[in-house]
Amino acid sequence: MGLLRAAVNEGGFRQFFVSYLVGFVFWLSLPVGCMGLIGIQFVTGASWGVLLRRFFEAATRTLPLMAALAVP
């Protein structure tokens, strides 16, 4: 019990949520960035995105998972 009390007094819960936020923003930036690249590819109608489009679409399918992880 003393160890748990020491962790709370030293900001253990606060540090957990700060670290969780940093990790969440990092992993959220990948599908959001891919969604932006898909949008640019569709707007410009360029052929450079044809090979990468499948990868970008697969990366955006993780957005529902990221929405679920946003709850904490």
N, C-alpha and C. Protein backbone atom coordinates (compact mmCIF):
# COMPACT_ATOMS: atom_id res chain seq x y z
N MET A 1 0.82 -1.19 0.00
CA MET A 1 0.00 0.00 0.00
C MET A 1 0.86 1.25 0.00
N GLY A 2 2.00 1.18 0.63
CA GLY A 2 2.88 2.33 0.69
C GLY A 2 3.47 2.68 -0.68
N LEU A 3 3.72 1.65 -1.50
CA LEU A 3 4.26 1.87 -2.83
C LEU A 3 3.23 2.58 -3.72
N LEU A 4 1.97 2.17 -3.63
CA LEU A 4 0.91 2.80 -4.41
C LEU A 4 0.73 4.26 -3.99
N ARG A 5 0.78 4.51 -2.70
CA ARG A 5 0.63 5.88 -2.20
C ARG A 5 1.80 6.74 -2.66
N ALA A 6 3.01 6.18 -2.71
CA ALA A 6 4.17 6.93 -3.18
C ALA A 6 4.05 7.25 -4.66
N ALA A 7 3.52 6.32 -5.44
CA ALA A 7 3.35 6.56 -6.87
C ALA A 7 2.33 7.66 -7.13
N VAL A 8 1.27 7.68 -6.34
CA VAL A 8 0.25 8.71 -6.51
C VAL A 8 0.80 10.07 -6.09
N ASN A 9 1.57 10.10 -5.02
CA ASN A 9 2.12 11.37 -4.55
C ASN A 9 3.15 11.94 -5.52
N GLU A 10 3.86 11.08 -6.25
CA GLU A 10 4.88 11.55 -7.18
C GLU A 10 4.31 11.80 -8.57
N GLY A 11 3.00 11.78 -8.71
CA GLY A 11 2.38 12.08 -10.00
C GLY A 11 2.33 10.89 -10.93
N GLY A 12 2.21 9.69 -10.40
CA GLY A 12 2.20 8.49 -11.23
C GLY A 12 1.02 8.45 -12.19
N PHE A 13 -0.18 8.79 -11.69
CA PHE A 13 -1.35 8.78 -12.56
C PHE A 13 -1.27 9.88 -13.60
N ARG A 14 -0.80 11.03 -13.20
CA ARG A 14 -0.65 12.14 -14.14
C ARG A 14 0.36 11.79 -15.22
N GLN A 15 1.46 11.18 -14.84
CA GLN A 15 2.47 10.78 -15.81
C GLN A 15 1.93 9.73 -16.77
N PHE A 16 1.12 8.82 -16.25
CA PHE A 16 0.52 7.81 -17.13
C PHE A 16 -0.34 8.46 -18.20
N PHE A 17 -1.19 9.40 -17.82
CA PHE A 17 -2.07 10.01 -18.79
C PHE A 17 -1.33 10.93 -19.76
N VAL A 18 -0.28 11.57 -19.31
CA VAL A 18 0.54 12.38 -20.21
C VAL A 18 1.24 11.47 -21.23
N SER A 19 1.77 10.36 -20.77
CA SER A 19 2.42 9.42 -21.68
C SER A 19 1.42 8.79 -22.64
N TYR A 20 0.22 8.50 -22.15
CA TYR A 20 -0.84 7.94 -22.99
C TYR A 20 -1.22 8.93 -24.08
N LEU A 21 -1.30 10.21 -23.74
CA LEU A 21 -1.66 11.23 -24.71
C LEU A 21 -0.59 11.36 -25.79
N VAL A 22 0.67 11.32 -25.42
CA VAL A 22 1.75 11.41 -26.39
C VAL A 22 1.70 10.22 -27.35
N GLY A 23 1.54 9.03 -26.83
CA GLY A 23 1.44 7.84 -27.68
C GLY A 23 0.21 7.87 -28.57
N PHE A 24 -0.90 8.32 -28.02
CA PHE A 24 -2.14 8.39 -28.80
C PHE A 24 -2.01 9.37 -29.96
N VAL A 25 -1.45 10.52 -29.70
CA VAL A 25 -1.29 11.52 -30.77
C VAL A 25 -0.32 11.02 -31.83
N PHE A 26 0.73 10.32 -31.43
CA PHE A 26 1.66 9.77 -32.41
C PHE A 26 0.96 8.77 -33.32
N TRP A 27 0.25 7.81 -32.75
CA TRP A 27 -0.39 6.78 -33.56
C TRP A 27 -1.59 7.32 -34.33
N LEU A 28 -2.23 8.38 -33.83
CA LEU A 28 -3.33 8.99 -34.56
C LEU A 28 -2.84 9.77 -35.77
N SER A 29 -1.62 10.27 -35.71
CA SER A 29 -1.11 11.07 -36.82
C SER A 29 -0.90 10.23 -38.08
N LEU A 30 -0.66 8.93 -37.94
CA LEU A 30 -0.45 8.09 -39.12
C LEU A 30 -1.71 7.94 -39.97
N PRO A 31 -2.86 7.50 -39.43
CA PRO A 31 -4.04 7.39 -40.29
C PRO A 31 -4.57 8.75 -40.75
N VAL A 32 -4.44 9.78 -39.93
CA VAL A 32 -4.92 11.10 -40.35
C VAL A 32 -4.04 11.64 -41.48
N GLY A 33 -2.75 11.43 -41.40
CA GLY A 33 -1.86 11.84 -42.47
C GLY A 33 -2.13 11.09 -43.76
N CYS A 34 -2.39 9.79 -43.65
CA CYS A 34 -2.71 9.01 -44.84
C CYS A 34 -4.04 9.46 -45.45
N MET A 35 -4.98 9.83 -44.59
CA MET A 35 -6.25 10.34 -45.11
C MET A 35 -6.04 11.65 -45.86
N GLY A 36 -5.16 12.48 -45.37
CA GLY A 36 -4.84 13.72 -46.06
C GLY A 36 -4.17 13.47 -47.40
N LEU A 37 -3.27 12.50 -47.45
CA LEU A 37 -2.61 12.17 -48.71
C LEU A 37 -3.58 11.58 -49.72
N ILE A 38 -4.55 10.79 -49.25
CA ILE A 38 -5.59 10.28 -50.15
C ILE A 38 -6.40 11.44 -50.71
N GLY A 39 -6.73 12.39 -49.85
CA GLY A 39 -7.49 13.55 -50.31
C GLY A 39 -6.73 14.36 -51.35
N ILE A 40 -5.45 14.56 -51.13
CA ILE A 40 -4.64 15.30 -52.10
C ILE A 40 -4.57 14.54 -53.42
N GLN A 41 -4.43 13.22 -53.33
CA GLN A 41 -4.34 12.42 -54.55
C GLN A 41 -5.64 12.48 -55.33
N PHE A 42 -6.78 12.44 -54.67
CA PHE A 42 -8.06 12.50 -55.37
C PHE A 42 -8.32 13.88 -55.94
N VAL A 43 -7.96 14.92 -55.21
CA VAL A 43 -8.21 16.28 -55.69
C VAL A 43 -7.35 16.60 -56.91
N THR A 44 -6.10 16.20 -56.87
CA THR A 44 -5.22 16.52 -58.00
C THR A 44 -5.38 15.54 -59.15
N GLY A 45 -5.92 14.37 -58.90
CA GLY A 45 -6.07 13.37 -59.95
C GLY A 45 -4.75 12.84 -60.46
N ALA A 46 -3.75 12.92 -59.63
CA ALA A 46 -2.40 12.52 -60.05
C ALA A 46 -2.27 11.00 -60.08
N SER A 47 -1.33 10.54 -60.85
CA SER A 47 -1.10 9.09 -60.96
C SER A 47 -0.08 8.59 -59.94
N TRP A 48 0.56 9.51 -59.21
CA TRP A 48 1.58 9.07 -58.25
C TRP A 48 0.98 8.30 -57.09
N GLY A 49 -0.31 8.51 -56.82
CA GLY A 49 -0.91 7.85 -55.67
C GLY A 49 -1.51 6.50 -55.95
N VAL A 50 -1.48 6.05 -57.20
CA VAL A 50 -2.12 4.79 -57.55
C VAL A 50 -1.46 3.63 -56.80
N LEU A 51 -0.16 3.61 -56.74
CA LEU A 51 0.53 2.52 -56.05
C LEU A 51 0.40 2.60 -54.54
N LEU A 52 0.31 3.81 -54.02
CA LEU A 52 0.25 3.99 -52.56
C LEU A 52 -1.16 4.04 -52.01
N ARG A 53 -2.16 4.14 -52.88
CA ARG A 53 -3.53 4.32 -52.41
C ARG A 53 -3.99 3.18 -51.51
N ARG A 54 -3.65 1.94 -51.86
CA ARG A 54 -4.07 0.79 -51.04
C ARG A 54 -3.47 0.86 -49.63
N PHE A 55 -2.23 1.25 -49.56
CA PHE A 55 -1.58 1.40 -48.26
C PHE A 55 -2.26 2.49 -47.44
N PHE A 56 -2.53 3.63 -48.08
CA PHE A 56 -3.17 4.73 -47.38
C PHE A 56 -4.58 4.35 -46.91
N GLU A 57 -5.32 3.65 -47.76
CA GLU A 57 -6.67 3.23 -47.37
C GLU A 57 -6.63 2.24 -46.23
N ALA A 58 -5.67 1.34 -46.23
CA ALA A 58 -5.53 0.38 -45.14
C ALA A 58 -5.18 1.08 -43.83
N ALA A 59 -4.36 2.12 -43.92
CA ALA A 59 -3.97 2.85 -42.71
C ALA A 59 -5.16 3.62 -42.13
N THR A 60 -6.05 4.11 -42.99
CA THR A 60 -7.20 4.86 -42.47
C THR A 60 -8.23 3.95 -41.82
N ARG A 61 -8.15 2.66 -42.03
CA ARG A 61 -9.10 1.73 -41.40
C ARG A 61 -8.83 1.56 -39.90
N THR A 62 -7.77 2.14 -39.41
CA THR A 62 -7.50 2.07 -37.98
C THR A 62 -8.16 3.23 -37.22
N LEU A 63 -8.85 4.12 -37.92
CA LEU A 63 -9.51 5.25 -37.26
C LEU A 63 -10.57 4.83 -36.25
N PRO A 64 -11.43 3.80 -36.52
CA PRO A 64 -12.37 3.37 -35.47
C PRO A 64 -11.67 2.89 -34.20
N LEU A 65 -10.55 2.21 -34.35
CA LEU A 65 -9.78 1.78 -33.18
C LEU A 65 -9.26 2.98 -32.42
N MET A 66 -8.77 3.98 -33.14
CA MET A 66 -8.26 5.19 -32.48
C MET A 66 -9.39 5.94 -31.77
N ALA A 67 -10.59 5.90 -32.34
CA ALA A 67 -11.74 6.53 -31.68
C ALA A 67 -12.06 5.81 -30.37
N ALA A 68 -11.94 4.50 -30.36
CA ALA A 68 -12.16 3.74 -29.13
C ALA A 68 -11.08 4.01 -28.10
N LEU A 69 -9.85 4.21 -28.55
CA LEU A 69 -8.75 4.49 -27.63
C LEU A 69 -8.76 5.93 -27.12
N ALA A 70 -9.59 6.78 -27.70
CA ALA A 70 -9.68 8.16 -27.24
C ALA A 70 -10.50 8.30 -25.97
N VAL A 71 -11.18 7.25 -25.55
CA VAL A 71 -12.06 7.31 -24.38
C VAL A 71 -11.32 7.67 -23.10
N PRO A 72 -10.17 7.04 -22.79
CA PRO A 72 -9.51 7.42 -21.53
C PRO A 72 -9.04 8.84 -21.55
